[in-house]
Amino acid sequence: MNLELARTGAGEPGPKAKAMFDLHGPDLDYVKLAAGMGVPGSRPTTAEEFCDAFEMALAEPGPSLIEVALEARF
């Protein structure tokens, strides 16, 4: 982040400038965003729920959103 800000030549960045390069927030509810655009959405939490959501998405015409959270394991 600091490298990108330094490349602008704007000097020492303040908190607002740093916030513009921060990808941690705000947390977005993609299912609600989809609903606001008239697109059905779901957030399955298990593989079985994902399969059900995927089948339902394929059965209906038009777009749908399936938000899947992946857990990183190292």
PDB file of N, CA and C in Angstrom:
ATOM      1  N   MET A   1       0.829  -1.187   0.000  1.00  0.00           N
ATOM      2  CA  MET A   1       0.000   0.000   0.000  1.00  0.00           C
ATOM      3  C   MET A   1       0.873   1.251   0.000  1.00  0.00           C
ATOM      4  N   ASN A   2       1.814   1.339   0.879  1.00  0.00           N
ATOM      5  CA  ASN A   2       2.649   2.540   0.958  1.00  0.00           C
ATOM      6  C   ASN A   2       3.440   2.775  -0.316  1.00  0.00           C
ATOM      7  N   LEU A   3       3.843   1.707  -0.979  1.00  0.00           N
ATOM      8  CA  LEU A   3       4.584   1.840  -2.232  1.00  0.00           C
ATOM      9  C   LEU A   3       3.724   2.531  -3.288  1.00  0.00           C
ATOM     10  N   GLU A   4       2.480   2.130  -3.404  1.00  0.00           N
ATOM     11  CA  GLU A   4       1.585   2.744  -4.389  1.00  0.00           C
ATOM     12  C   GLU A   4       1.346   4.220  -4.069  1.00  0.00           C
ATOM     13  N   LEU A   5       1.155   4.534  -2.819  1.00  0.00           N
ATOM     14  CA  LEU A   5       0.961   5.934  -2.437  1.00  0.00           C
ATOM     15  C   LEU A   5       2.224   6.746  -2.693  1.00  0.00           C
ATOM     16  N   ALA A   6       3.380   6.171  -2.424  1.00  0.00           N
ATOM     17  CA  ALA A   6       4.640   6.885  -2.645  1.00  0.00           C
ATOM     18  C   ALA A   6       4.829   7.196  -4.123  1.00  0.00           C
ATOM     19  N   ARG A   7       4.371   6.310  -4.991  1.00  0.00           N
ATOM     20  CA  ARG A   7       4.515   6.515  -6.429  1.00  0.00           C
ATOM     21  C   ARG A   7       3.690   7.691  -6.942  1.00  0.00           C
ATOM     22  N   THR A   8       2.682   8.101  -6.196  1.00  0.00           N
ATOM     23  CA  THR A   8       1.866   9.242  -6.634  1.00  0.00           C
ATOM     24  C   THR A   8       2.606  10.555  -6.473  1.00  0.00           C
ATOM     25  N   GLY A   9       3.618  10.586  -5.606  1.00  0.00           N
ATOM     26  CA  GLY A   9       4.378  11.807  -5.368  1.00  0.00           C
ATOM     27  C   GLY A   9       3.625  12.823  -4.543  1.00  0.00           C
ATOM     28  N   ALA A  10       2.613  12.387  -3.827  1.00  0.00           N
ATOM     29  CA  ALA A  10       1.779  13.308  -3.055  1.00  0.00           C
ATOM     30  C   ALA A  10       2.280  13.532  -1.639  1.00  0.00           C
ATOM     31  N   GLY A  11       3.423  12.998  -1.270  1.00  0.00           N
ATOM     32  CA  GLY A  11       3.934  13.193   0.090  1.00  0.00           C
ATOM     33  C   GLY A  11       3.402  12.145   1.045  1.00  0.00           C
ATOM     34  N   GLU A  12       3.475  12.461   2.336  1.00  0.00           N
ATOM     35  CA  GLU A  12       3.030  11.530   3.377  1.00  0.00           C
ATOM     36  C   GLU A  12       1.504  11.435   3.370  1.00  0.00           C
ATOM     37  N   PRO A  13       0.950  10.235   3.165  1.00  0.00           N
ATOM     38  CA  PRO A  13      -0.511  10.101   3.104  1.00  0.00           C
ATOM     39  C   PRO A  13      -1.151  10.192   4.487  1.00  0.00           C
ATOM     40  N   GLY A  14      -2.326  10.777   4.521  1.00  0.00           N
ATOM     41  CA  GLY A  14      -3.107  10.832   5.745  1.00  0.00           C
ATOM     42  C   GLY A  14      -4.007   9.614   5.862  1.00  0.00           C
ATOM     43  N   PRO A  15      -4.813   9.540   6.914  1.00  0.00           N
ATOM     44  CA  PRO A  15      -5.663   8.364   7.128  1.00  0.00           C
ATOM     45  C   PRO A  15      -6.691   8.158   6.011  1.00  0.00           C
ATOM     46  N   LYS A  16      -7.232   9.219   5.446  1.00  0.00           N
ATOM     47  CA  LYS A  16      -8.223   9.055   4.373  1.00  0.00           C
ATOM     48  C   LYS A  16      -7.580   8.491   3.115  1.00  0.00           C
ATOM     49  N   ALA A  17      -6.389   8.960   2.785  1.00  0.00           N
ATOM     50  CA  ALA A  17      -5.688   8.443   1.612  1.00  0.00           C
ATOM     51  C   ALA A  17      -5.340   6.970   1.813  1.00  0.00           C
ATOM     52  N   LYS A  18      -4.883   6.610   3.000  1.00  0.00           N
ATOM     53  CA  LYS A  18      -4.564   5.210   3.276  1.00  0.00           C
ATOM     54  C   LYS A  18      -5.815   4.338   3.200  1.00  0.00           C
ATOM     55  N   ALA A  19      -6.945   4.851   3.671  1.00  0.00           N
ATOM     56  CA  ALA A  19      -8.192   4.090   3.641  1.00  0.00           C
ATOM     57  C   ALA A  19      -8.635   3.789   2.213  1.00  0.00           C
ATOM     58  N   MET A  20      -8.295   4.661   1.276  1.00  0.00           N
ATOM     59  CA  MET A  20      -8.689   4.454  -0.111  1.00  0.00           C
ATOM     60  C   MET A  20      -7.951   3.271  -0.737  1.00  0.00           C
ATOM     61  N   PHE A  21      -6.815   2.882  -0.168  1.00  0.00           N
ATOM     62  CA  PHE A  21      -6.050   1.751  -0.677  1.00  0.00           C
ATOM     63  C   PHE A  21      -6.277   0.485   0.144  1.00  0.00           C
ATOM     64  N   ASP A  22      -7.116   0.557   1.173  1.00  0.00           N
ATOM     65  CA  ASP A  22      -7.379  -0.573   2.056  1.00  0.00           C
ATOM     66  C   ASP A  22      -8.505  -1.425   1.480  1.00  0.00           C
ATOM     67  N   LEU A  23      -8.251  -2.706   1.276  1.00  0.00           N
ATOM     68  CA  LEU A  23      -9.247  -3.606   0.700  1.00  0.00           C
ATOM     69  C   LEU A  23     -10.024  -4.394   1.757  1.00  0.00           C
ATOM     70  N   HIS A  24      -9.853  -4.060   3.026  1.00  0.00           N
ATOM     71  CA  HIS A  24     -10.500  -4.827   4.089  1.00  0.00           C
ATOM     72  C   HIS A  24     -11.930  -4.401   4.389  1.00  0.00           C
ATOM     73  N   GLY A  25     -12.366  -3.279   3.938  1.00  0.00           N
ATOM     74  CA  GLY A  25     -13.717  -2.862   4.289  1.00  0.00           C
ATOM     75  C   GLY A  25     -14.284  -1.952   3.235  1.00  0.00           C
ATOM     76  N   PRO A  26     -15.521  -1.706   3.246  1.00  0.00           N
ATOM     77  CA  PRO A  26     -16.493  -2.291   4.170  1.00  0.00           C
ATOM     78  C   PRO A  26     -16.843  -3.721   3.750  1.00  0.00           C
ATOM     79  N   ASP A  27     -17.365  -4.484   4.703  1.00  0.00           N
ATOM     80  CA  ASP A  27     -17.840  -5.824   4.375  1.00  0.00           C
ATOM     81  C   ASP A  27     -19.118  -5.673   3.565  1.00  0.00           C
ATOM     82  N   LEU A  28     -19.185  -6.354   2.433  1.00  0.00           N
ATOM     83  CA  LEU A  28     -20.340  -6.253   1.557  1.00  0.00           C
ATOM     84  C   LEU A  28     -21.189  -7.514   1.646  1.00  0.00           C
ATOM     85  N   ASP A  29     -22.500  -7.335   1.647  1.00  0.00           N
ATOM     86  CA  ASP A  29     -23.437  -8.458   1.630  1.00  0.00           C
ATOM     87  C   ASP A  29     -23.861  -8.645   0.172  1.00  0.00           C
ATOM     88  N   TYR A  30     -23.171  -9.530  -0.532  1.00  0.00           N
ATOM     89  CA  TYR A  30     -23.417  -9.709  -1.949  1.00  0.00           C
ATOM     90  C   TYR A  30     -24.801 -10.291  -2.237  1.00  0.00           C
ATOM     91  N   VAL A  31     -25.329 -11.105  -1.329  1.00  0.00           N
ATOM     92  CA  VAL A  31     -26.666 -11.661  -1.518  1.00  0.00           C
ATOM     93  C   VAL A  31     -27.703 -10.528  -1.494  1.00  0.00           C
ATOM     94  N   LYS A  32     -27.569  -9.584  -0.568  1.00  0.00           N
ATOM     95  CA  LYS A  32     -28.488  -8.446  -0.519  1.00  0.00           C
ATOM     96  C   LYS A  32     -28.294  -7.521  -1.715  1.00  0.00           C
ATOM     97  N   LEU A  33     -27.050  -7.332  -2.150  1.00  0.00           N
ATOM     98  CA  LEU A  33     -26.802  -6.522  -3.339  1.00  0.00           C
ATOM     99  C   LEU A  33     -27.473  -7.142  -4.558  1.00  0.00           C
ATOM    100  N   ALA A  34     -27.369  -8.458  -4.684  1.00  0.00           N
ATOM    101  CA  ALA A  34     -28.016  -9.148  -5.800  1.00  0.00           C
ATOM    102  C   ALA A  34     -29.526  -8.976  -5.730  1.00  0.00           C
ATOM    103  N   ALA A  35     -30.098  -9.156  -4.538  1.00  0.00           N
ATOM    104  CA  ALA A  35     -31.545  -8.998  -4.377  1.00  0.00           C
ATOM    105  C   ALA A  35     -31.990  -7.594  -4.761  1.00  0.00           C
ATOM    106  N   GLY A  36     -31.185  -6.593  -4.415  1.00  0.00           N
ATOM    107  CA  GLY A  36     -31.506  -5.217  -4.763  1.00  0.00           C
ATOM    108  C   GLY A  36     -31.523  -4.978  -6.261  1.00  0.00           C
ATOM    109  N   MET A  37     -30.873  -5.849  -7.008  1.00  0.00           N
ATOM    110  CA  MET A  37     -30.861  -5.745  -8.467  1.00  0.00           C
ATOM    111  C   MET A  37     -31.810  -6.745  -9.117  1.00  0.00           C
ATOM    112  N   GLY A  38     -32.621  -7.394  -8.283  1.00  0.00           N
ATOM    113  CA  GLY A  38     -33.596  -8.344  -8.812  1.00  0.00           C
ATOM    114  C   GLY A  38     -33.023  -9.705  -9.155  1.00  0.00           C
ATOM    115  N   VAL A  39     -31.865 -10.024  -8.615  1.00  0.00           N
ATOM    116  CA  VAL A  39     -31.209 -11.303  -8.893  1.00  0.00           C
ATOM    117  C   VAL A  39     -31.282 -12.174  -7.644  1.00  0.00           C
ATOM    118  N   PRO A  40     -31.784 -13.408  -7.778  1.00  0.00           N
ATOM    119  CA  PRO A  40     -31.809 -14.281  -6.602  1.00  0.00           C
ATOM    120  C   PRO A  40     -30.392 -14.654  -6.182  1.00  0.00           C
ATOM    121  N   GLY A  41     -30.185 -14.737  -4.888  1.00  0.00           N
ATOM    122  CA  GLY A  41     -28.859 -15.069  -4.375  1.00  0.00           C
ATOM    123  C   GLY A  41     -28.938 -15.946  -3.154  1.00  0.00           C
ATOM    124  N   SER A  42     -27.851 -16.658  -2.892  1.00  0.00           N
ATOM    125  CA  SER A  42     -27.787 -17.506  -1.702  1.00  0.00           C
ATOM    126  C   SER A  42     -26.352 -17.561  -1.203  1.00  0.00           C
ATOM    127  N   ARG A  43     -26.213 -18.003   0.047  1.00  0.00           N
ATOM    128  CA  ARG A  43     -24.900 -18.113   0.683  1.00  0.00           C
ATOM    129  C   ARG A  43     -24.821 -19.480   1.375  1.00  0.00           C
ATOM    130  N   PRO A  44     -24.580 -20.539   0.619  1.00  0.00           N
ATOM    131  CA  PRO A  44     -24.510 -21.868   1.236  1.00  0.00           C
ATOM    132  C   PRO A  44     -23.296 -21.992   2.156  1.00  0.00           C
ATOM    133  N   THR A  45     -23.438 -22.823   3.187  1.00  0.00           N
ATOM    134  CA  THR A  45     -22.343 -23.004   4.137  1.00  0.00           C
ATOM    135  C   THR A  45     -21.792 -24.426   4.136  1.00  0.00           C
ATOM    136  N   THR A  46     -22.428 -25.325   3.378  1.00  0.00           N
ATOM    137  CA  THR A  46     -21.946 -26.695   3.265  1.00  0.00           C
ATOM    138  C   THR A  46     -21.912 -27.088   1.789  1.00  0.00           C
ATOM    139  N   ALA A  47     -21.211 -28.148   1.491  1.00  0.00           N
ATOM    140  CA  ALA A  47     -21.156 -28.637   0.110  1.00  0.00           C
ATOM    141  C   ALA A  47     -22.548 -29.056  -0.364  1.00  0.00           C
ATOM    142  N   GLU A  48     -23.324 -29.656   0.520  1.00  0.00           N
ATOM    143  CA  GLU A  48     -24.677 -30.074   0.161  1.00  0.00           C
ATOM    144  C   GLU A  48     -25.557 -28.862  -0.164  1.00  0.00           C
ATOM    145  N   GLU A  49     -25.467 -27.815   0.652  1.00  0.00           N
ATOM    146  CA  GLU A  49     -26.232 -26.598   0.387  1.00  0.00           C
ATOM    147  C   GLU A  49     -25.795 -25.966  -0.930  1.00  0.00           C
ATOM    148  N   PHE A  50     -24.491 -26.022  -1.226  1.00  0.00           N
ATOM    149  CA  PHE A  50     -24.020 -25.478  -2.491  1.00  0.00           C
ATOM    150  C   PHE A  50     -24.623 -26.245  -3.662  1.00  0.00           C
ATOM    151  N   CYS A  51     -24.631 -27.577  -3.581  1.00  0.00           N
ATOM    152  CA  CYS A  51     -25.207 -28.385  -4.663  1.00  0.00           C
ATOM    153  C   CYS A  51     -26.670 -28.031  -4.880  1.00  0.00           C
ATOM    154  N   ASP A  52     -27.425 -27.865  -3.797  1.00  0.00           N
ATOM    155  CA  ASP A  52     -28.837 -27.485  -3.915  1.00  0.00           C
ATOM    156  C   ASP A  52     -28.978 -26.110  -4.557  1.00  0.00           C
ATOM    157  N   ALA A  53     -28.169 -25.156  -4.122  1.00  0.00           N
ATOM    158  CA  ALA A  53     -28.235 -23.797  -4.671  1.00  0.00           C
ATOM    159  C   ALA A  53     -27.850 -23.792  -6.149  1.00  0.00           C
ATOM    160  N   PHE A  54     -26.850 -24.586  -6.517  1.00  0.00           N
ATOM    161  CA  PHE A  54     -26.407 -24.653  -7.905  1.00  0.00           C
ATOM    162  C   PHE A  54     -27.494 -25.264  -8.790  1.00  0.00           C
ATOM    163  N   GLU A  55     -28.126 -26.324  -8.305  1.00  0.00           N
ATOM    164  CA  GLU A  55     -29.228 -26.940  -9.055  1.00  0.00           C
ATOM    165  C   GLU A  55     -30.370 -25.953  -9.255  1.00  0.00           C
ATOM    166  N   MET A  56     -30.718 -25.204  -8.211  1.00  0.00           N
ATOM    167  CA  MET A  56     -31.801 -24.221  -8.321  1.00  0.00           C
ATOM    168  C   MET A  56     -31.423 -23.112  -9.294  1.00  0.00           C
ATOM    169  N   ALA A  57     -30.159 -22.692  -9.265  1.00  0.00           N
ATOM    170  CA  ALA A  57     -29.704 -21.633 -10.169  1.00  0.00           C
ATOM    171  C   ALA A  57     -29.783 -22.093 -11.624  1.00  0.00           C
ATOM    172  N   LEU A  58     -29.422 -23.330 -11.877  1.00  0.00           N
ATOM    173  CA  LEU A  58     -29.473 -23.853 -13.242  1.00  0.00           C
ATOM    174  C   LEU A  58     -30.906 -24.076 -13.723  1.00  0.00           C
ATOM    175  N   ALA A  59     -31.819 -24.324 -12.784  1.00  0.00           N
ATOM    176  CA  ALA A  59     -33.207 -24.616 -13.149  1.00  0.00           C
ATOM    177  C   ALA A  59     -33.987 -23.369 -13.542  1.00  0.00           C
ATOM    178  N   GLU A  60     -33.531 -22.206 -13.150  1.00  0.00           N
ATOM    179  CA  GLU A  60     -34.236 -20.957 -13.429  1.00  0.00           C
ATOM    180  C   GLU A  60     -33.536 -20.200 -14.546  1.00  0.00           C
ATOM    181  N   PRO A  61     -34.321 -19.519 -15.406  1.00  0.00           N
ATOM    182  CA  PRO A  61     -33.688 -18.692 -16.434  1.00  0.00           C
ATOM    183  C   PRO A  61     -33.103 -17.419 -15.818  1.00  0.00           C
ATOM    184  N   GLY A  62     -32.089 -16.898 -16.438  1.00  0.00           N
ATOM    185  CA  GLY A  62     -31.502 -15.644 -15.972  1.00  0.00           C
ATOM    186  C   GLY A  62     -30.396 -15.857 -14.968  1.00  0.00           C
ATOM    187  N   PRO A  63     -29.842 -14.744 -14.510  1.00  0.00           N
ATOM    188  CA  PRO A  63     -28.701 -14.829 -13.588  1.00  0.00           C
ATOM    189  C   PRO A  63     -29.117 -15.177 -12.170  1.00  0.00           C
ATOM    190  N   SER A  64     -28.185 -15.682 -11.421  1.00  0.00           N
ATOM    191  CA  SER A  64     -28.339 -15.876  -9.982  1.00  0.00           C
ATOM    192  C   SER A  64     -26.943 -15.804  -9.374  1.00  0.00           C
ATOM    193  N   LEU A  65     -26.905 -15.549  -8.081  1.00  0.00           N
ATOM    194  CA  LEU A  65     -25.629 -15.412  -7.396  1.00  0.00           C
ATOM    195  C   LEU A  65     -25.531 -16.464  -6.303  1.00  0.00           C
ATOM    196  N   ILE A  66     -24.386 -17.117  -6.242  1.00  0.00           N
ATOM    197  CA  ILE A  66     -24.084 -18.035  -5.142  1.00  0.00           C
ATOM    198  C   ILE A  66     -22.780 -17.554  -4.526  1.00  0.00           C
ATOM    199  N   GLU A  67     -22.855 -17.070  -3.307  1.00  0.00           N
ATOM    200  CA  GLU A  67     -21.659 -16.596  -2.598  1.00  0.00           C
ATOM    201  C   GLU A  67     -21.085 -17.748  -1.784  1.00  0.00           C
ATOM    202  N   VAL A  68     -19.847 -18.101  -2.069  1.00  0.00           N
ATOM    203  CA  VAL A  68     -19.188 -19.216  -1.384  1.00  0.00           C
ATOM    204  C   VAL A  68     -17.964 -18.679  -0.662  1.00  0.00           C
ATOM    205  N   ALA A  69     -17.904 -18.896   0.636  1.00  0.00           N
ATOM    206  CA  ALA A  69     -16.741 -18.494   1.431  1.00  0.00           C
ATOM    207  C   ALA A  69     -15.803 -19.702   1.514  1.00  0.00           C
ATOM    208  N   LEU A  70     -14.572 -19.485   1.111  1.00  0.00           N
ATOM    209  CA  LEU A  70     -13.561 -20.544   1.173  1.00  0.00           C
ATOM    210  C   LEU A  70     -12.651 -20.315   2.358  1.00  0.00           C
ATOM    211  N   GLU A  71     -12.322 -21.381   3.027  1.00  0.00           N
ATOM    212  CA  GLU A  71     -11.427 -21.297   4.171  1.00  0.00           C
ATOM    213  C   GLU A  71     -10.031 -21.717   3.734  1.00  0.00           C
ATOM    214  N   ALA A  72      -9.068 -20.855   3.975  1.00  0.00           N
ATOM    215  CA  ALA A  72      -7.687 -21.170   3.601  1.00  0.00           C
ATOM    216  C   ALA A  72      -7.084 -22.088   4.653  1.00  0.00           C
ATOM    217  N   ARG A  73      -6.469 -23.142   4.207  1.00  0.00           N
ATOM    218  CA  ARG A  73      -5.794 -24.073   5.118  1.00  0.00           C
ATOM    219  C   ARG A  73      -4.355 -24.213   4.659  1.00  0.00           C
ATOM    220  N   PHE A  74      -3.449 -23.870   5.542  1.00  0.00           N
ATOM    221  CA  PHE A  74      -2.023 -23.936   5.202  1.00  0.00           C
ATOM    222  C   PHE A  74      -1.346 -24.983   6.038  1.00  0.00           C
TER     223      PHE A  74
END
